[in-house]
N, C-alpha and C. Protein backbone atom coordinates (compact mmCIF):
# COMPACT_ATOMS: atom_id res chain seq x y z
N MET A 1 57.95 63.24 73.77
CA MET A 1 59.30 64.01 72.16
C MET A 1 58.39 64.77 71.60
N PRO A 2 57.77 66.04 72.51
CA PRO A 2 57.49 66.90 72.05
C PRO A 2 58.19 67.99 70.68
N ALA A 3 59.32 67.25 71.01
CA ALA A 3 60.31 68.19 69.59
C ALA A 3 60.47 67.68 68.58
N LEU A 4 60.29 66.13 68.60
CA LEU A 4 60.37 65.53 67.32
C LEU A 4 58.68 65.94 67.05
N ALA A 5 57.82 65.62 67.77
CA ALA A 5 56.67 65.79 67.06
C ALA A 5 56.42 67.20 66.06
N ALA A 6 56.64 68.46 67.14
CA ALA A 6 56.92 69.61 66.54
C ALA A 6 57.46 69.70 64.99
N LEU A 7 58.99 68.75 64.88
CA LEU A 7 59.46 68.47 63.46
C LEU A 7 58.72 68.01 62.21
N THR A 8 57.89 67.32 63.12
CA THR A 8 56.84 66.68 61.94
C THR A 8 55.93 67.32 61.25
N THR A 9 55.62 68.86 61.94
CA THR A 9 54.58 69.72 61.11
C THR A 9 55.91 70.61 60.22
N GLN A 10 57.01 70.32 59.98
CA GLN A 10 58.04 71.28 59.25
C GLN A 10 58.90 70.28 58.14
N ILE A 11 59.00 69.08 58.82
CA ILE A 11 60.02 68.41 57.67
C ILE A 11 58.94 67.08 57.03
N PRO A 12 58.95 66.85 55.84
CA PRO A 12 58.02 65.93 55.65
C PRO A 12 58.82 64.38 55.94
N VAL A 13 57.84 63.58 56.53
CA VAL A 13 58.18 62.17 57.06
C VAL A 13 57.81 60.83 55.64
N VAL A 14 58.89 60.49 55.33
CA VAL A 14 58.25 59.43 53.95
C VAL A 14 58.80 58.43 54.35
N TYR A 15 57.71 57.14 54.68
CA TYR A 15 57.91 55.95 54.68
C TYR A 15 58.19 54.83 53.34
N GLY A 16 57.48 55.18 52.50
CA GLY A 16 57.12 54.48 51.10
C GLY A 16 58.04 54.00 49.99
N PHE A 17 59.15 54.68 50.45
CA PHE A 17 60.36 54.88 49.21
C PHE A 17 61.15 53.30 48.81
N ALA A 18 61.40 53.19 47.74
CA ALA A 18 62.24 52.12 47.70
C ALA A 18 63.09 51.77 48.78
N GLY A 19 62.68 50.40 49.03
CA GLY A 19 63.50 49.81 49.75
C GLY A 19 63.15 50.27 51.23
N SER A 20 62.38 50.71 51.70
CA SER A 20 61.81 51.15 53.40
C SER A 20 61.11 49.74 53.22
N GLU A 21 60.92 49.75 54.41
CA GLU A 21 60.34 48.42 55.50
C GLU A 21 58.54 48.45 54.76
N ARG A 22 58.38 49.05 54.54
CA ARG A 22 56.68 48.79 53.78
C ARG A 22 56.91 48.62 52.22
N ASP A 23 57.93 49.31 51.73
CA ASP A 23 58.08 48.71 50.27
C ASP A 23 58.78 46.89 50.53
N LEU A 24 59.25 46.83 51.20
CA LEU A 24 60.19 45.42 51.40
C LEU A 24 59.00 44.22 51.68
N LEU A 25 57.86 44.89 52.74
CA LEU A 25 56.83 44.16 53.35
C LEU A 25 55.86 43.63 52.24
N GLY A 26 55.90 44.77 51.30
CA GLY A 26 54.72 44.68 50.23
C GLY A 26 55.43 43.73 49.12
N ALA A 27 56.71 43.43 48.78
CA ALA A 27 57.37 42.55 48.26
C ALA A 27 57.10 41.52 48.72
N GLY A 28 56.73 41.24 49.73
CA GLY A 28 56.68 39.45 50.04
C GLY A 28 57.98 39.26 51.39
N LEU A 29 58.52 40.56 51.58
CA LEU A 29 59.57 39.95 53.07
C LEU A 29 58.75 39.35 54.28
N ILE A 30 59.41 38.60 54.73
CA ILE A 30 58.99 37.91 56.30
C ILE A 30 59.50 39.04 57.26
N SER A 31 58.97 39.65 58.12
CA SER A 31 59.56 40.19 58.93
C SER A 31 60.24 38.93 60.26
N ALA A 32 61.17 39.70 60.82
CA ALA A 32 61.30 38.95 61.67
C ALA A 32 60.89 39.64 63.14
N GLY A 33 60.05 41.04 62.98
CA GLY A 33 59.54 41.39 64.04
C GLY A 33 60.19 42.13 65.28
N VAL A 34 60.31 41.80 66.57
CA VAL A 34 61.36 41.53 67.49
C VAL A 34 62.31 41.43 67.84
N LEU A 35 62.37 39.84 66.78
CA LEU A 35 63.60 39.29 67.38
C LEU A 35 64.88 39.95 66.52
N ASP A 36 65.87 39.50 67.67
CA ASP A 36 67.36 40.46 67.50
C ASP A 36 67.49 39.70 66.27
N PRO A 37 68.65 39.80 65.47
CA PRO A 37 69.28 39.20 64.39
C PRO A 37 69.29 37.84 64.35
N VAL A 38 70.47 37.20 65.77
CA VAL A 38 71.03 36.16 65.72
C VAL A 38 69.53 35.03 66.06
N LYS A 39 68.66 35.69 67.16
CA LYS A 39 67.33 34.52 66.82
C LYS A 39 66.97 34.71 65.59
N ALA A 40 66.43 35.52 65.02
CA ALA A 40 66.00 35.32 64.05
C ALA A 40 66.38 34.67 62.84
N ARG A 41 67.90 34.78 62.26
CA ARG A 41 68.71 33.21 62.08
C ARG A 41 68.43 32.00 62.34
N LEU A 42 68.74 31.70 64.18
CA LEU A 42 68.51 30.81 64.03
C LEU A 42 67.01 30.08 64.09
N LEU A 43 66.36 30.53 64.51
CA LEU A 43 64.56 30.42 64.15
C LEU A 43 64.49 29.84 62.84
N LEU A 44 64.98 30.88 61.28
CA LEU A 44 65.00 31.01 60.31
C LEU A 44 65.63 29.40 60.23
N HIS A 45 66.92 29.14 60.16
CA HIS A 45 67.82 27.75 60.38
C HIS A 45 66.72 26.71 60.38
N VAL A 46 66.32 26.49 61.31
CA VAL A 46 65.90 25.55 62.27
C VAL A 46 64.34 25.02 61.22
N LEU A 47 63.69 26.19 60.96
CA LEU A 47 62.21 25.86 60.32
C LEU A 47 62.68 25.61 58.76
N LEU A 48 63.99 26.24 58.20
CA LEU A 48 64.36 25.57 56.58
C LEU A 48 64.58 24.38 56.79
N ALA A 49 65.49 23.77 58.29
CA ALA A 49 65.97 22.33 57.92
C ALA A 49 64.85 21.15 58.54
N SER A 50 63.82 22.28 58.76
CA SER A 50 62.99 20.99 58.79
C SER A 50 62.01 20.89 57.94
N GLY A 51 62.03 21.62 56.42
CA GLY A 51 61.30 21.74 55.14
C GLY A 51 60.03 22.46 55.21
N ALA A 52 59.77 23.45 56.51
CA ALA A 52 58.85 24.41 56.49
C ALA A 52 59.11 25.12 55.24
N GLY A 53 57.57 25.63 54.91
CA GLY A 53 57.20 26.23 53.76
C GLY A 53 57.17 27.63 53.99
N ARG A 54 56.58 28.55 53.29
CA ARG A 54 56.60 29.96 53.11
C ARG A 54 55.54 30.08 54.44
N ALA A 55 54.35 29.49 53.78
CA ALA A 55 53.19 29.72 55.27
C ALA A 55 53.54 29.80 56.74
N TYR A 56 53.99 28.20 56.84
CA TYR A 56 54.71 28.15 58.23
C TYR A 56 55.71 28.99 58.52
N LEU A 57 56.68 29.59 57.83
CA LEU A 57 57.63 30.34 57.97
C LEU A 57 57.20 31.81 58.69
N LYS A 58 56.19 31.98 57.71
CA LYS A 58 55.57 33.46 58.47
C LYS A 58 54.65 33.47 59.80
N ALA A 59 53.84 31.98 59.70
CA ALA A 59 53.43 32.23 60.83
C ALA A 59 54.02 32.04 62.21
N ALA A 60 55.57 31.47 62.13
CA ALA A 60 56.11 31.02 62.92
C ALA A 60 57.21 32.30 63.23
N PHE A 61 57.25 33.21 62.40
CA PHE A 61 58.13 34.44 63.11
C PHE A 61 56.82 35.36 63.56
N ARG A 62 55.74 35.27 63.12
CA ARG A 62 54.86 36.33 63.70
C ARG A 62 54.51 35.62 65.59
N ALA A 63 54.19 34.01 65.34
CA ALA A 63 54.35 33.78 66.99
C ALA A 63 55.39 34.44 67.37
N ALA A 64 56.65 33.88 67.27
CA ALA A 64 57.73 34.28 68.05
C ALA A 64 57.92 36.01 68.12
N SER A 65 57.66 36.76 67.53
CA SER A 65 57.34 38.63 67.49
C SER A 65 56.11 38.51 68.96
N GLY A 66 55.34 38.17 68.92
CA GLY A 66 54.06 38.04 69.42
C GLY A 66 53.84 38.05 70.93
């Protein structure tokens, strides 16, 4: 994508704005990674129903995405 690479030299690219992925992850968001919304919601539902805590949720989503 040479055209996009060229644009990055002319237009600033900002990733750290309020509400950005970086901001939300820094605030403690647990990312679903590559899971689509339906799979992420189903996994979350099963984990919460089983009484999983935050650390287990993070590990499960990391494993499912990887």
